[in-house]
N, C-alpha and C. Protein backbone atom coordinates (compact mmCIF):
# COMPACT_ATOMS: atom_id res chain seq x y z
N MET A 1 152.19 114.54 165.55
CA MET A 1 152.40 113.46 164.60
C MET A 1 152.41 112.14 165.33
N SER A 2 151.55 111.26 165.01
CA SER A 2 151.45 110.00 165.74
C SER A 2 152.20 108.90 165.04
N ALA A 3 152.84 108.02 165.83
CA ALA A 3 153.56 106.90 165.25
C ALA A 3 152.66 105.71 165.02
N ARG A 4 151.39 105.82 165.37
CA ARG A 4 150.49 104.70 165.20
C ARG A 4 150.02 104.59 163.77
N PRO A 5 149.79 103.36 163.28
CA PRO A 5 149.27 103.20 161.93
C PRO A 5 147.91 103.87 161.80
N THR A 6 147.59 104.25 160.57
CA THR A 6 146.28 104.83 160.32
C THR A 6 145.19 103.84 160.73
N SER A 7 144.17 104.32 161.42
CA SER A 7 143.10 103.43 161.85
C SER A 7 141.77 104.14 161.71
N ARG A 8 140.69 103.38 161.86
CA ARG A 8 139.36 103.94 161.67
C ARG A 8 139.03 104.95 162.76
N VAL A 9 139.57 104.78 163.98
CA VAL A 9 139.21 105.68 165.08
C VAL A 9 139.64 107.11 164.82
N PRO A 10 140.95 107.41 164.52
CA PRO A 10 141.29 108.81 164.27
C PRO A 10 140.62 109.38 163.05
N LEU A 11 140.30 108.54 162.08
CA LEU A 11 139.58 109.04 160.93
C LEU A 11 138.26 109.66 161.35
N ARG A 12 137.56 108.99 162.23
CA ARG A 12 136.25 109.47 162.63
C ARG A 12 136.33 110.59 163.65
N ARG A 13 137.39 110.63 164.44
CA ARG A 13 137.48 111.62 165.50
C ARG A 13 138.15 112.91 165.06
N ALA A 14 138.76 112.93 163.89
CA ALA A 14 139.49 114.12 163.45
C ALA A 14 138.57 115.31 163.33
N GLY A 15 139.10 116.50 163.64
CA GLY A 15 138.28 117.70 163.63
C GLY A 15 137.70 118.02 162.28
N VAL A 16 138.43 117.75 161.21
CA VAL A 16 137.92 118.00 159.87
C VAL A 16 137.78 116.70 159.12
N GLY A 17 137.46 115.64 159.85
CA GLY A 17 137.16 114.39 159.20
C GLY A 17 138.35 113.75 158.53
N LEU A 18 138.56 114.08 157.25
CA LEU A 18 139.59 113.43 156.46
C LEU A 18 140.99 113.65 157.01
N ALA A 19 141.22 114.74 157.69
CA ALA A 19 142.57 115.02 158.17
C ALA A 19 143.07 113.94 159.11
N GLY A 20 142.18 113.13 159.64
CA GLY A 20 142.61 112.05 160.51
C GLY A 20 143.53 111.07 159.81
N LEU A 21 143.43 110.96 158.49
CA LEU A 21 144.32 110.07 157.77
C LEU A 21 145.77 110.46 157.97
N ALA A 22 146.03 111.74 158.04
CA ALA A 22 147.41 112.21 158.15
C ALA A 22 147.92 112.17 159.58
N LEU A 23 147.03 112.10 160.56
CA LEU A 23 147.43 112.06 161.96
C LEU A 23 148.40 113.20 162.31
N LEU A 24 147.97 114.43 162.00
CA LEU A 24 148.88 115.57 162.16
C LEU A 24 148.71 116.23 163.52
N ALA A 25 148.85 115.45 164.57
CA ALA A 25 148.58 115.97 165.90
C ALA A 25 149.51 117.11 166.28
N THR A 26 150.77 117.06 165.86
CA THR A 26 151.72 118.09 166.27
C THR A 26 151.81 119.23 165.29
N GLY A 27 151.18 119.12 164.13
CA GLY A 27 151.27 120.18 163.14
C GLY A 27 152.69 120.38 162.65
N ALA A 28 153.43 119.31 162.47
CA ALA A 28 154.85 119.42 162.13
C ALA A 28 155.09 120.11 160.80
N LEU A 29 154.09 120.14 159.93
CA LEU A 29 154.29 120.74 158.62
C LEU A 29 153.82 122.18 158.56
N SER A 30 153.26 122.71 159.64
CA SER A 30 152.83 124.10 159.61
C SER A 30 154.05 125.00 159.47
N GLY A 31 153.85 126.15 158.83
CA GLY A 31 154.98 127.05 158.64
C GLY A 31 155.83 126.67 157.46
N CYS A 32 155.34 125.81 156.55
CA CYS A 32 156.14 125.37 155.41
C CYS A 32 155.72 126.04 154.12
N GLY A 33 154.95 127.11 154.19
CA GLY A 33 154.50 127.74 152.96
C GLY A 33 155.62 128.37 152.17
N VAL A 34 156.65 128.84 152.85
CA VAL A 34 157.79 129.48 152.21
C VAL A 34 159.04 128.96 152.88
N ALA A 35 160.04 128.64 152.09
CA ALA A 35 161.29 128.13 152.64
C ALA A 35 162.04 129.24 153.37
N ALA A 36 163.05 128.87 154.13
CA ALA A 36 163.79 129.83 154.94
C ALA A 36 164.43 130.92 154.08
N ASP A 37 164.78 130.58 152.84
CA ASP A 37 165.40 131.59 151.96
C ASP A 37 164.37 132.39 151.17
N GLY A 38 163.09 132.22 151.53
CA GLY A 38 162.04 132.96 150.85
C GLY A 38 161.51 132.30 149.60
N THR A 39 161.98 131.09 149.30
CA THR A 39 161.54 130.37 148.11
C THR A 39 160.06 130.03 148.20
N THR A 40 159.35 130.18 147.10
CA THR A 40 157.96 129.73 147.03
C THR A 40 157.84 128.71 145.91
N PRO A 41 156.84 127.86 145.95
CA PRO A 41 156.70 126.84 144.90
C PRO A 41 156.50 127.46 143.53
N GLN A 42 156.99 126.78 142.50
CA GLN A 42 156.82 127.23 141.13
C GLN A 42 155.37 126.97 140.68
N PRO A 43 154.93 127.65 139.63
CA PRO A 43 153.58 127.41 139.11
C PRO A 43 153.37 125.92 138.80
N GLY A 44 152.20 125.42 139.18
CA GLY A 44 151.90 124.03 138.93
C GLY A 44 152.45 123.07 139.95
N VAL A 45 153.14 123.61 140.97
CA VAL A 45 153.76 122.77 141.99
C VAL A 45 152.96 122.88 143.29
N GLY A 46 152.52 121.74 143.82
CA GLY A 46 151.81 121.74 145.10
C GLY A 46 152.76 121.81 146.27
N ALA A 47 153.90 121.15 146.14
CA ALA A 47 154.90 121.15 147.21
C ALA A 47 156.23 120.67 146.66
N GLN A 48 157.28 121.10 147.33
CA GLN A 48 158.62 120.60 147.02
C GLN A 48 159.24 120.10 148.31
N VAL A 49 159.77 118.89 148.27
CA VAL A 49 160.37 118.25 149.44
C VAL A 49 161.79 117.88 149.08
N GLY A 50 162.74 118.66 149.56
CA GLY A 50 164.12 118.44 149.15
C GLY A 50 164.24 118.59 147.65
N ASP A 51 164.71 117.57 146.97
CA ASP A 51 164.86 117.62 145.52
C ASP A 51 163.64 117.13 144.77
N ALA A 52 162.62 116.69 145.48
CA ALA A 52 161.44 116.10 144.85
C ALA A 52 160.32 117.12 144.74
N THR A 53 159.54 117.01 143.68
CA THR A 53 158.42 117.93 143.43
C THR A 53 157.11 117.16 143.39
N ILE A 54 156.09 117.73 144.03
CA ILE A 54 154.73 117.18 144.00
C ILE A 54 153.88 118.14 143.16
N SER A 55 153.39 117.68 142.04
CA SER A 55 152.67 118.56 141.13
C SER A 55 151.20 118.71 141.53
N PHE A 56 150.58 119.78 141.02
CA PHE A 56 149.15 119.96 141.22
C PHE A 56 148.37 118.82 140.58
N ASP A 57 148.87 118.35 139.44
CA ASP A 57 148.19 117.24 138.76
C ASP A 57 148.15 116.01 139.65
N THR A 58 149.25 115.74 140.36
CA THR A 58 149.29 114.60 141.27
C THR A 58 148.33 114.81 142.43
N VAL A 59 148.31 116.01 142.98
CA VAL A 59 147.38 116.32 144.07
C VAL A 59 145.94 116.10 143.61
N SER A 60 145.61 116.62 142.44
CA SER A 60 144.25 116.51 141.92
C SER A 60 143.86 115.05 141.69
N ARG A 61 144.76 114.28 141.10
CA ARG A 61 144.48 112.86 140.83
C ARG A 61 144.26 112.09 142.13
N ASP A 62 145.14 112.32 143.10
CA ASP A 62 145.04 111.58 144.36
C ASP A 62 143.85 112.04 145.20
N ALA A 63 143.50 113.33 145.10
CA ALA A 63 142.32 113.82 145.81
C ALA A 63 141.06 113.19 145.23
N GLU A 64 141.00 113.04 143.93
CA GLU A 64 139.84 112.39 143.30
C GLU A 64 139.73 110.94 143.77
N ALA A 65 140.86 110.25 143.82
CA ALA A 65 140.85 108.86 144.29
C ALA A 65 140.43 108.77 145.74
N THR A 66 140.88 109.74 146.54
CA THR A 66 140.51 109.76 147.96
C THR A 66 139.02 110.01 148.13
N CYS A 67 138.47 110.91 147.32
CA CYS A 67 137.02 111.17 147.38
C CYS A 67 136.24 109.92 146.99
N ASP A 68 136.73 109.20 145.98
CA ASP A 68 136.07 107.94 145.60
C ASP A 68 136.08 106.96 146.77
N LEU A 69 137.19 106.91 147.48
CA LEU A 69 137.32 106.03 148.63
C LEU A 69 136.30 106.39 149.71
N LEU A 70 136.17 107.68 149.99
CA LEU A 70 135.25 108.12 151.05
C LEU A 70 133.80 107.92 150.66
N GLN A 71 133.52 108.06 149.38
CA GLN A 71 132.15 107.80 148.93
C GLN A 71 131.80 106.32 149.08
N ALA A 72 132.81 105.47 148.90
CA ALA A 72 132.58 104.02 149.03
C ALA A 72 132.57 103.58 150.48
N HIS A 73 133.21 104.39 151.36
CA HIS A 73 133.32 104.03 152.78
C HIS A 73 132.92 105.24 153.65
N PRO A 74 131.65 105.61 153.66
CA PRO A 74 131.22 106.78 154.44
C PRO A 74 131.47 106.63 155.93
N GLU A 75 131.67 105.42 156.40
CA GLU A 75 131.93 105.20 157.83
C GLU A 75 133.29 105.74 158.26
N LEU A 76 134.15 106.09 157.31
CA LEU A 76 135.49 106.56 157.66
C LEU A 76 135.52 108.00 158.14
N THR A 77 134.48 108.76 157.87
CA THR A 77 134.48 110.17 158.25
C THR A 77 133.29 110.48 159.14
N GLN A 78 133.49 111.45 160.02
CA GLN A 78 132.46 111.83 160.98
C GLN A 78 131.58 112.94 160.46
N SER A 79 132.11 113.72 159.51
CA SER A 79 131.35 114.83 158.94
C SER A 79 131.65 114.90 157.45
N PRO A 80 130.83 115.64 156.68
CA PRO A 80 131.08 115.74 155.24
C PRO A 80 132.47 116.31 154.94
N VAL A 81 133.03 115.89 153.83
CA VAL A 81 134.38 116.32 153.42
C VAL A 81 134.28 117.03 152.08
N THR A 82 134.84 118.22 152.00
CA THR A 82 134.85 118.97 150.75
C THR A 82 136.06 118.59 149.91
N ARG A 83 136.00 118.96 148.64
CA ARG A 83 137.15 118.70 147.77
C ARG A 83 138.36 119.50 148.24
N ALA A 84 138.13 120.69 148.78
CA ALA A 84 139.25 121.48 149.30
C ALA A 84 139.95 120.76 150.44
N GLN A 85 139.17 120.14 151.32
CA GLN A 85 139.76 119.38 152.42
C GLN A 85 140.54 118.18 151.88
N ALA A 86 140.01 117.54 150.86
CA ALA A 86 140.71 116.40 150.27
C ALA A 86 142.04 116.84 149.66
N ASN A 87 142.04 117.99 148.98
CA ASN A 87 143.29 118.52 148.43
C ASN A 87 144.32 118.76 149.53
N ASP A 88 143.86 119.38 150.62
CA ASP A 88 144.77 119.68 151.73
C ASP A 88 145.35 118.41 152.32
N LEU A 89 144.49 117.43 152.53
CA LEU A 89 144.96 116.16 153.08
C LEU A 89 145.99 115.50 152.19
N VAL A 90 145.69 115.45 150.90
CA VAL A 90 146.59 114.77 149.97
C VAL A 90 147.97 115.42 149.97
N VAL A 91 148.00 116.75 149.99
CA VAL A 91 149.30 117.43 150.04
C VAL A 91 150.09 117.00 151.27
N ARG A 92 149.43 116.99 152.42
CA ARG A 92 150.11 116.59 153.65
C ARG A 92 150.63 115.15 153.54
N GLN A 93 149.76 114.26 153.08
CA GLN A 93 150.16 112.86 152.96
C GLN A 93 151.34 112.70 152.01
N LEU A 94 151.30 113.39 150.87
CA LEU A 94 152.37 113.27 149.90
C LEU A 94 153.67 113.87 150.41
N VAL A 95 153.57 114.91 151.22
CA VAL A 95 154.79 115.47 151.81
C VAL A 95 155.45 114.45 152.73
N TYR A 96 154.65 113.78 153.54
CA TYR A 96 155.20 112.77 154.44
C TYR A 96 155.86 111.63 153.66
N SER A 97 155.17 111.09 152.66
CA SER A 97 155.73 109.96 151.94
C SER A 97 156.93 110.37 151.09
N THR A 98 156.89 111.58 150.53
CA THR A 98 158.02 112.05 149.73
C THR A 98 159.24 112.30 150.60
N PHE A 99 159.02 112.86 151.78
CA PHE A 99 160.13 113.03 152.73
C PHE A 99 160.74 111.67 153.06
N ALA A 100 159.90 110.67 153.32
CA ALA A 100 160.40 109.34 153.65
C ALA A 100 161.21 108.77 152.49
N ASP A 101 160.74 108.99 151.26
CA ASP A 101 161.49 108.53 150.08
C ASP A 101 162.84 109.22 149.98
N GLU A 102 162.85 110.53 150.21
CA GLU A 102 164.10 111.30 150.14
C GLU A 102 165.09 110.81 151.20
N LEU A 103 164.60 110.60 152.40
CA LEU A 103 165.45 110.14 153.50
C LEU A 103 166.01 108.75 153.18
N ALA A 104 165.16 107.88 152.67
CA ALA A 104 165.59 106.53 152.34
C ALA A 104 166.61 106.53 151.21
N GLN A 105 166.41 107.40 150.23
CA GLN A 105 167.35 107.47 149.12
C GLN A 105 168.73 107.90 149.61
N GLN A 106 168.77 108.85 150.52
CA GLN A 106 170.04 109.30 151.07
C GLN A 106 170.76 108.19 151.84
N ALA A 107 169.97 107.29 152.44
CA ALA A 107 170.53 106.20 153.23
C ALA A 107 170.68 104.91 152.41
N ASP A 108 170.33 104.96 151.11
CA ASP A 108 170.40 103.80 150.24
C ASP A 108 169.54 102.65 150.79
N LEU A 109 168.37 103.00 151.28
CA LEU A 109 167.44 102.02 151.84
C LEU A 109 166.40 101.63 150.80
N ASP A 110 166.20 100.35 150.61
CA ASP A 110 165.16 99.84 149.71
C ASP A 110 163.81 100.02 150.38
N THR A 111 162.97 100.88 149.81
CA THR A 111 161.69 101.20 150.44
C THR A 111 160.55 100.30 149.97
N ALA A 112 160.77 99.50 148.95
CA ALA A 112 159.66 98.69 148.40
C ALA A 112 159.00 97.81 149.45
N PRO A 113 159.76 97.09 150.29
CA PRO A 113 159.10 96.27 151.32
C PRO A 113 158.34 97.11 152.35
N LEU A 114 158.89 98.27 152.71
CA LEU A 114 158.24 99.12 153.69
C LEU A 114 156.96 99.73 153.13
N ARG A 115 157.00 100.12 151.87
CA ARG A 115 155.80 100.70 151.26
C ARG A 115 154.69 99.65 151.18
N GLU A 116 155.05 98.43 150.82
CA GLU A 116 154.03 97.38 150.75
C GLU A 116 153.50 97.05 152.14
N GLN A 117 154.38 97.09 153.15
CA GLN A 117 153.93 96.85 154.53
C GLN A 117 152.94 97.93 154.95
N ALA A 118 153.21 99.18 154.57
CA ALA A 118 152.30 100.28 154.90
C ALA A 118 150.96 100.10 154.20
N ARG A 119 150.99 99.66 152.95
CA ARG A 119 149.75 99.41 152.22
C ARG A 119 148.93 98.32 152.90
N GLN A 120 149.61 97.27 153.32
CA GLN A 120 148.91 96.18 153.99
C GLN A 120 148.29 96.66 155.30
N GLN A 121 149.00 97.50 156.03
CA GLN A 121 148.44 98.08 157.26
C GLN A 121 147.16 98.85 156.95
N ALA A 122 147.21 99.67 155.91
CA ALA A 122 146.05 100.49 155.55
C ALA A 122 144.88 99.60 155.12
N ARG A 123 145.16 98.61 154.31
CA ARG A 123 144.09 97.70 153.87
C ARG A 123 143.44 97.02 155.06
N SER A 124 144.26 96.55 155.99
CA SER A 124 143.74 95.82 157.15
C SER A 124 143.00 96.74 158.11
N ASN A 125 143.60 97.87 158.45
CA ASN A 125 143.02 98.77 159.45
C ASN A 125 141.73 99.42 158.97
N LEU A 126 141.63 99.66 157.66
CA LEU A 126 140.45 100.34 157.12
C LEU A 126 139.52 99.40 156.37
N SER A 127 139.82 98.12 156.38
CA SER A 127 138.99 97.12 155.69
C SER A 127 138.78 97.49 154.23
N LEU A 128 139.87 97.80 153.54
CA LEU A 128 139.79 98.21 152.14
C LEU A 128 139.80 97.00 151.23
N GLY A 129 139.16 97.16 150.08
CA GLY A 129 139.11 96.09 149.10
C GLY A 129 139.82 96.46 147.82
N SER A 130 139.71 95.61 146.82
CA SER A 130 140.42 95.83 145.56
C SER A 130 139.94 97.09 144.84
N ASP A 131 138.71 97.50 145.08
CA ASP A 131 138.19 98.70 144.42
C ASP A 131 138.77 99.99 145.01
N ASP A 132 139.48 99.88 146.11
CA ASP A 132 140.02 101.06 146.80
C ASP A 132 141.49 101.31 146.49
N GLU A 133 142.07 100.55 145.57
CA GLU A 133 143.51 100.59 145.37
C GLU A 133 144.01 101.93 144.81
N LYS A 134 143.16 102.68 144.12
CA LYS A 134 143.63 103.95 143.57
C LYS A 134 144.07 104.91 144.67
N ALA A 135 143.49 104.78 145.85
CA ALA A 135 143.82 105.69 146.94
C ALA A 135 144.77 105.08 147.96
N ILE A 136 145.24 103.87 147.70
CA ILE A 136 145.98 103.16 148.73
C ILE A 136 147.26 103.88 149.14
N ASP A 137 147.96 104.52 148.19
CA ASP A 137 149.21 105.17 148.56
C ASP A 137 148.98 106.48 149.31
N VAL A 138 147.80 107.09 149.15
CA VAL A 138 147.46 108.25 149.97
C VAL A 138 147.20 107.80 151.40
N VAL A 139 146.39 106.76 151.55
CA VAL A 139 146.06 106.26 152.88
C VAL A 139 147.29 105.69 153.59
N ALA A 140 148.18 105.08 152.82
CA ALA A 140 149.36 104.43 153.41
C ALA A 140 150.54 105.36 153.58
N ALA A 141 150.40 106.61 153.20
CA ALA A 141 151.55 107.52 153.21
C ALA A 141 152.14 107.72 154.60
N TYR A 142 151.28 107.97 155.58
CA TYR A 142 151.82 108.23 156.92
C TYR A 142 152.38 106.95 157.56
N PRO A 143 151.70 105.80 157.46
CA PRO A 143 152.32 104.57 157.95
C PRO A 143 153.68 104.30 157.29
N PHE A 144 153.81 104.62 156.00
CA PHE A 144 155.10 104.46 155.31
C PHE A 144 156.15 105.37 155.93
N PHE A 145 155.77 106.62 156.18
CA PHE A 145 156.68 107.56 156.85
C PHE A 145 157.16 107.01 158.18
N VAL A 146 156.23 106.47 158.97
CA VAL A 146 156.58 105.93 160.29
C VAL A 146 157.53 104.76 160.16
N LEU A 147 157.29 103.88 159.20
CA LEU A 147 158.15 102.71 159.03
C LEU A 147 159.58 103.12 158.65
N VAL A 148 159.69 104.12 157.79
CA VAL A 148 161.03 104.61 157.42
C VAL A 148 161.71 105.25 158.62
N MET A 149 160.96 106.03 159.39
CA MET A 149 161.54 106.66 160.58
C MET A 149 162.00 105.61 161.59
N LYS A 150 161.22 104.57 161.77
CA LYS A 150 161.60 103.49 162.69
C LYS A 150 162.90 102.82 162.23
N LYS A 151 163.05 102.69 160.93
CA LYS A 151 164.22 102.01 160.38
C LYS A 151 165.48 102.87 160.46
N LEU A 152 165.35 104.14 160.14
CA LEU A 152 166.52 104.99 159.99
C LEU A 152 166.77 105.94 161.15
N VAL A 153 165.72 106.38 161.81
CA VAL A 153 165.88 107.42 162.83
C VAL A 153 165.81 106.87 164.25
N GLU A 154 164.90 105.96 164.51
CA GLU A 154 164.76 105.45 165.87
C GLU A 154 166.05 104.91 166.47
N PRO A 155 166.89 104.20 165.69
CA PRO A 155 168.15 103.70 166.28
C PRO A 155 169.08 104.79 166.76
N THR A 156 168.88 106.03 166.31
CA THR A 156 169.75 107.14 166.71
C THR A 156 169.20 107.92 167.90
N LEU A 157 168.00 107.57 168.37
CA LEU A 157 167.37 108.35 169.42
C LEU A 157 167.86 107.95 170.81
N SER A 158 167.85 108.93 171.70
CA SER A 158 168.18 108.67 173.10
C SER A 158 166.99 108.03 173.80
N ALA A 159 167.21 107.57 175.02
CA ALA A 159 166.13 106.96 175.79
C ALA A 159 165.01 107.97 176.02
N ASP A 160 165.36 109.21 176.29
CA ASP A 160 164.34 110.24 176.50
C ASP A 160 163.53 110.48 175.22
N GLN A 161 164.21 110.50 174.09
CA GLN A 161 163.51 110.70 172.83
C GLN A 161 162.61 109.52 172.48
N LEU A 162 163.06 108.32 172.82
CA LEU A 162 162.25 107.13 172.55
C LEU A 162 160.97 107.12 173.37
N ALA A 163 160.96 107.88 174.46
CA ALA A 163 159.75 107.95 175.29
C ALA A 163 158.66 108.75 174.60
N ASP A 164 159.02 109.55 173.60
CA ASP A 164 158.04 110.34 172.84
C ASP A 164 158.50 110.39 171.39
N THR A 165 158.29 109.29 170.67
CA THR A 165 158.76 109.24 169.29
C THR A 165 157.98 110.20 168.40
N ASP A 166 156.74 110.51 168.75
CA ASP A 166 155.98 111.49 167.98
C ASP A 166 156.76 112.79 167.88
N GLN A 167 157.19 113.29 169.03
CA GLN A 167 157.93 114.55 169.07
C GLN A 167 159.30 114.40 168.43
N ALA A 168 159.94 113.26 168.63
CA ALA A 168 161.26 113.03 168.04
C ALA A 168 161.18 113.04 166.52
N TYR A 169 160.13 112.42 165.97
CA TYR A 169 159.97 112.43 164.52
C TYR A 169 159.74 113.85 164.01
N ALA A 170 158.91 114.60 164.73
CA ALA A 170 158.63 115.97 164.32
C ALA A 170 159.90 116.81 164.36
N ASP A 171 160.70 116.65 165.42
CA ASP A 171 161.95 117.40 165.53
C ASP A 171 162.91 117.04 164.40
N TYR A 172 162.97 115.76 164.07
CA TYR A 172 163.88 115.32 163.01
C TYR A 172 163.44 115.90 161.67
N LEU A 173 162.14 115.88 161.41
CA LEU A 173 161.63 116.42 160.17
C LEU A 173 161.94 117.90 160.05
N GLN A 174 161.76 118.64 161.14
CA GLN A 174 162.05 120.07 161.11
C GLN A 174 163.55 120.33 160.91
N GLN A 175 164.39 119.54 161.56
CA GLN A 175 165.84 119.70 161.41
C GLN A 175 166.26 119.38 159.98
N TRP A 176 165.72 118.31 159.42
CA TRP A 176 166.04 117.93 158.05
C TRP A 176 165.66 119.04 157.08
N SER A 177 164.53 119.68 157.34
CA SER A 177 164.03 120.69 156.42
C SER A 177 164.87 121.96 156.42
N THR A 178 165.74 122.15 157.41
CA THR A 178 166.63 123.32 157.40
C THR A 178 167.70 123.18 156.32
N LYS A 179 168.04 121.95 155.96
CA LYS A 179 169.04 121.71 154.92
C LYS A 179 168.40 121.30 153.60
N HIS A 180 167.20 120.76 153.68
CA HIS A 180 166.48 120.31 152.49
C HIS A 180 165.07 120.89 152.57
N PRO A 181 164.88 122.12 152.13
CA PRO A 181 163.62 122.83 152.36
C PRO A 181 162.38 122.05 151.93
N ILE A 182 161.37 122.08 152.80
CA ILE A 182 160.05 121.56 152.47
C ILE A 182 159.17 122.77 152.22
N VAL A 183 158.78 122.95 150.97
CA VAL A 183 158.05 124.15 150.57
C VAL A 183 156.67 123.72 150.08
N VAL A 184 155.64 124.12 150.80
CA VAL A 184 154.26 123.78 150.44
C VAL A 184 153.55 125.03 149.94
N ASN A 185 152.92 124.92 148.81
CA ASN A 185 152.21 126.06 148.25
C ASN A 185 151.17 126.56 149.25
N PRO A 186 151.21 127.83 149.64
CA PRO A 186 150.31 128.34 150.68
C PRO A 186 148.86 128.39 150.27
N ARG A 187 148.54 128.09 149.01
CA ARG A 187 147.14 128.07 148.63
C ARG A 187 146.42 126.88 149.25
N PHE A 188 147.16 125.91 149.77
CA PHE A 188 146.53 124.80 150.47
C PHE A 188 146.32 125.20 151.92
N ALA A 189 145.07 125.18 152.36
CA ALA A 189 144.71 125.63 153.70
C ALA A 189 145.42 124.79 154.75
N GLY A 190 145.75 125.45 155.86
CA GLY A 190 146.41 124.74 156.95
C GLY A 190 147.89 125.00 156.98
N PHE A 191 148.43 125.66 155.96
CA PHE A 191 149.84 126.01 155.94
C PHE A 191 149.96 127.53 155.95
N THR A 192 150.95 128.02 156.66
CA THR A 192 151.17 129.46 156.72
C THR A 192 152.59 129.76 156.31
N THR A 193 152.84 130.98 155.88
CA THR A 193 154.19 131.36 155.49
C THR A 193 155.03 131.56 156.73
N GLN A 194 156.35 131.35 156.59
CA GLN A 194 157.24 131.52 157.73
C GLN A 194 157.37 132.99 158.13
N GLN A 195 157.02 133.90 157.22
CA GLN A 195 157.03 135.31 157.58
C GLN A 195 155.85 135.68 158.45
N GLY A 196 154.89 134.76 158.59
CA GLY A 196 153.75 135.02 159.45
C GLY A 196 152.65 135.81 158.78
N GLY A 197 152.77 136.04 157.47
CA GLY A 197 151.74 136.79 156.78
C GLY A 197 150.54 135.92 156.47
N SER A 198 149.49 136.56 155.95
CA SER A 198 148.31 135.80 155.59
C SER A 198 148.60 134.98 154.34
N VAL A 199 147.90 133.90 154.17
CA VAL A 199 148.12 133.05 153.02
C VAL A 199 146.91 133.07 152.12
N SER A 200 147.16 132.89 150.83
CA SER A 200 146.07 132.85 149.86
C SER A 200 145.29 131.56 150.04
N GLN A 201 143.98 131.64 149.92
CA GLN A 201 143.15 130.45 149.99
C GLN A 201 142.73 129.98 148.60
N GLU A 202 143.35 130.52 147.56
CA GLU A 202 143.02 130.08 146.21
C GLU A 202 143.57 128.68 146.00
N LEU A 203 142.72 127.75 145.66
CA LEU A 203 143.14 126.37 145.49
C LEU A 203 143.32 126.05 144.01
N SER A 204 143.71 124.81 143.73
CA SER A 204 143.99 124.44 142.36
C SER A 204 142.73 124.35 141.51
N VAL A 205 141.57 124.30 142.15
CA VAL A 205 140.29 124.37 141.44
C VAL A 205 139.46 125.46 142.10
N PRO A 206 138.61 126.16 141.34
CA PRO A 206 137.80 127.23 141.94
C PRO A 206 136.92 126.68 143.06
N VAL A 207 136.90 127.38 144.18
CA VAL A 207 136.06 126.97 145.29
C VAL A 207 135.38 128.18 145.88
N SER A 208 134.22 127.96 146.51
CA SER A 208 133.49 129.06 147.13
C SER A 208 134.10 129.39 148.48
N SER A 209 133.72 130.52 149.05
CA SER A 209 134.23 130.90 150.37
C SER A 209 133.79 129.89 151.42
N THR A 210 132.62 129.29 151.23
CA THR A 210 132.17 128.26 152.17
C THR A 210 133.09 127.06 152.14
N ALA A 211 133.48 126.64 150.95
CA ALA A 211 134.37 125.48 150.83
C ALA A 211 135.74 125.77 151.41
N VAL A 212 136.23 127.00 151.22
CA VAL A 212 137.53 127.36 151.79
C VAL A 212 137.47 127.32 153.31
N ALA A 213 136.41 127.90 153.89
CA ALA A 213 136.28 127.89 155.34
C ALA A 213 136.22 126.46 155.86
N ALA A 214 135.61 125.58 155.09
CA ALA A 214 135.47 124.19 155.53
C ALA A 214 136.79 123.45 155.52
N SER A 215 137.81 124.01 154.85
CA SER A 215 139.12 123.38 154.87
C SER A 215 139.72 123.41 156.26
N ARG A 216 139.30 124.37 157.07
CA ARG A 216 139.85 124.52 158.40
C ARG A 216 138.92 124.00 159.49
N THR A 217 137.64 123.98 159.24
CA THR A 217 136.69 123.55 160.26
C THR A 217 135.69 122.59 159.64
N PRO A 218 135.05 121.76 160.47
CA PRO A 218 134.02 120.87 159.93
C PRO A 218 132.91 121.68 159.28
N ILE A 219 132.31 121.13 158.26
CA ILE A 219 131.23 121.81 157.55
C ILE A 219 129.92 121.14 157.93
N SER A 220 128.90 121.95 158.12
CA SER A 220 127.60 121.39 158.49
C SER A 220 126.98 120.69 157.30
N ALA A 221 126.05 119.80 157.59
CA ALA A 221 125.38 119.06 156.52
C ALA A 221 124.64 120.01 155.58
N SER A 222 124.04 121.06 156.14
CA SER A 222 123.29 121.99 155.30
C SER A 222 124.21 122.80 154.40
N ASP A 223 125.34 123.26 154.94
CA ASP A 223 126.29 124.01 154.12
C ASP A 223 126.90 123.12 153.05
N TYR A 224 127.17 121.88 153.42
CA TYR A 224 127.74 120.95 152.45
C TYR A 224 126.75 120.69 151.31
N ALA A 225 125.50 120.53 151.67
CA ALA A 225 124.47 120.26 150.66
C ALA A 225 124.35 121.41 149.67
N ALA A 226 124.67 122.63 150.13
CA ALA A 226 124.54 123.81 149.27
C ALA A 226 125.71 123.98 148.32
N LEU A 227 126.78 123.21 148.50
CA LEU A 227 127.95 123.34 147.63
C LEU A 227 127.67 122.74 146.26
N PRO A 228 128.30 123.27 145.22
CA PRO A 228 128.23 122.63 143.90
C PRO A 228 128.86 121.24 143.97
N ALA A 229 128.46 120.35 143.10
CA ALA A 229 128.96 118.99 143.09
C ALA A 229 130.48 118.97 142.96
N SER A 230 131.06 119.92 142.21
CA SER A 230 132.50 119.93 141.97
C SER A 230 133.30 120.21 143.23
N GLN A 231 132.62 120.73 144.28
CA GLN A 231 133.31 121.08 145.52
C GLN A 231 133.06 120.05 146.63
N LYS A 232 132.34 119.00 146.30
CA LYS A 232 132.05 117.96 147.28
C LYS A 232 133.00 116.79 147.08
N CYS A 233 133.24 116.09 148.19
CA CYS A 233 134.11 114.93 148.14
C CYS A 233 133.41 113.68 148.64
N SER A 234 132.98 113.70 149.91
CA SER A 234 132.40 112.49 150.50
C SER A 234 130.90 112.42 150.26
């Protein structure tokens, strides 16, 4: 997990293209398919973060907006992006921003200025315009998370922890989740159950086996071209 604001470089260098938006270098959210008590998400729920719920409808809406953004800015990705990859990314982004909201609420922190600061970072770093606003909160989710962590968590860190805030943030998120479970529906690729079992690759919209495989690895131009329009994003 990187503390750096979202930028054009990681977007292009990410292994699956769009995943660069989330900057998930440490994989801090892996293993969140099932909570420690065996809880799984309810039908229609993409993820639950503490007391907050992220619905499939929200994931679908934000994934569509993200695909519109990538179609308008093809320079942001290094390889084609499928709708399945967009769904996966949006879930990750929403988990980060929802966690930040939950943490801020517990600390009685006004997040409005931080959220707007994160949006401004995203607009500036990605050269976004007024037509890109539908996806702004997806793109700004991780910068918002970082800003909240800097405000609430960084002052509590030791000198050694401050030397690697990426790891410190990941550790804090994992510790927080032991008391406030972060449960991500395992149908979103990239998440596994804590029991170590296989996870379903069934997504919120029907996808082919090619599209599912592309959620984990870059997809070739020829394979992407063969997908139905409903499974394409960028």
